Amino acid sequence: MSHNPTIAVLLTCHNRKDKTLQCLHALYAQQGLDVDFNIEVFLVDDASIDGTATAIENQFPLVNIISGNGDLYWNQGMRLAWKTATEAKDYD
């Protein structure tokens, strides 16, 4: 019995609400790929004050939002997203 692979998509942001929403819209709109697969998104919001997390929760309720403290920057935000995803399950 085969299964569709599940891919963890990792993102991190800080005060980039519009760009992050555009990214998620583009990600979920992908069509025409040769392989059927599932995605699970892990997004670190590093203490944004522009409403990023709320907008994502409202428009993309399946996205796993991880709250940062504002001092993560890109590298540590991605590290936290990776750590959280690998603790959730074993992705393909």
Protein backbone atom coordinates (compact mmCIF):
# COMPACT_ATOMS: atom_id res chain seq x y z
CA MET A 1 0.00 0.00 0.00
CA SER A 2 1.56 3.28 -1.05
CA HIS A 3 0.91 6.62 0.52
CA ASN A 4 1.26 10.17 -0.61
CA PRO A 5 4.46 11.65 0.78
CA THR A 6 4.15 14.43 3.31
CA ILE A 7 6.55 17.34 3.12
CA ALA A 8 7.20 19.83 5.91
CA VAL A 9 7.42 23.40 4.58
CA LEU A 10 9.50 25.64 6.84
CA LEU A 11 9.18 29.43 6.98
CA THR A 12 10.18 32.22 9.32
CA CYS A 13 9.17 35.86 9.32
CA HIS A 14 9.16 39.12 11.23
CA ASN A 15 6.80 41.94 10.26
CA ARG A 16 6.30 40.68 6.72
CA LYS A 17 2.56 40.09 6.77
CA ASP A 18 1.84 40.87 3.11
CA LYS A 19 4.85 38.95 1.74
CA THR A 20 4.14 35.98 4.00
CA LEU A 21 0.48 35.85 2.96
CA GLN A 22 1.50 36.08 -0.70
CA CYS A 23 3.93 33.23 -0.17
CA LEU A 24 1.31 31.03 1.47
CA HIS A 25 -1.28 31.80 -1.22
CA ALA A 26 1.27 30.81 -3.91
CA LEU A 27 2.25 27.67 -2.02
CA TYR A 28 -1.30 26.42 -1.59
CA ALA A 29 -2.21 27.33 -5.20
CA GLN A 30 0.41 25.03 -6.75
CA GLN A 31 -1.07 22.74 -9.39
CA GLY A 32 0.18 20.43 -12.08
CA LEU A 33 2.89 18.71 -10.08
CA ASP A 34 3.70 15.17 -11.22
CA VAL A 35 3.53 13.67 -7.74
CA ASP A 36 0.64 13.76 -5.32
CA PHE A 37 1.89 14.84 -1.94
CA ASN A 38 0.71 16.51 1.23
CA ILE A 39 2.30 19.54 2.86
CA GLU A 40 2.35 20.72 6.44
CA VAL A 41 3.56 24.25 7.01
CA PHE A 42 5.58 25.31 10.05
CA LEU A 43 5.99 29.07 10.30
CA VAL A 44 7.95 30.91 12.97
CA ASP A 45 6.54 34.37 13.60
CA ASP A 46 9.36 36.13 15.43
CA ALA A 47 7.26 38.54 17.51
CA SER A 48 5.80 40.49 14.58
CA ILE A 49 3.80 43.57 15.54
CA ASP A 50 2.11 44.00 12.15
CA GLY A 51 -0.57 41.33 12.69
CA THR A 52 1.20 38.60 10.72
CA ALA A 53 0.23 35.74 13.04
CA THR A 54 -3.43 36.79 13.26
CA ALA A 55 -3.72 37.16 9.49
CA ILE A 56 -2.19 33.72 8.95
CA GLU A 57 -4.45 32.14 11.56
CA ASN A 58 -7.49 33.66 9.85
CA GLN A 59 -6.56 32.81 6.25
CA PHE A 60 -4.55 29.60 6.73
CA PRO A 61 -5.78 27.82 9.86
CA LEU A 62 -3.78 24.66 9.05
CA VAL A 63 -0.43 26.47 9.27
CA ASN A 64 1.48 25.60 12.44
CA ILE A 65 2.50 28.98 13.86
CA ILE A 66 5.42 28.97 16.25
CA SER A 67 5.96 32.14 18.28
CA GLY A 68 9.45 33.57 18.57
CA ASN A 69 10.76 36.10 21.06
CA GLY A 70 11.85 38.72 18.51
CA ASP A 71 15.55 37.85 18.72
CA LEU A 72 15.67 34.81 16.43
CA TYR A 73 16.44 36.39 13.07
CA TRP A 74 16.29 34.15 10.00
CA ASN A 75 18.79 31.49 11.05
CA GLN A 76 17.38 30.71 14.48
CA GLY A 77 13.80 31.06 13.21
CA MET A 78 14.46 28.38 10.60
CA ARG A 79 16.21 26.23 13.20
CA LEU A 80 13.14 26.48 15.47
CA ALA A 81 10.82 25.62 12.56
CA TRP A 82 12.98 22.58 11.70
CA LYS A 83 13.10 21.43 15.33
CA THR A 84 9.34 21.78 15.75
CA ALA A 85 8.61 19.92 12.50
CA THR A 86 10.96 17.04 13.29
CA GLU A 87 9.38 16.67 16.72
CA ALA A 88 5.90 16.53 15.14
CA LYS A 89 6.59 13.50 12.92
CA ASP A 90 8.97 11.89 10.44
CA TYR A 91 8.40 13.74 7.17
CA ASP A 92 9.26 12.41 3.74
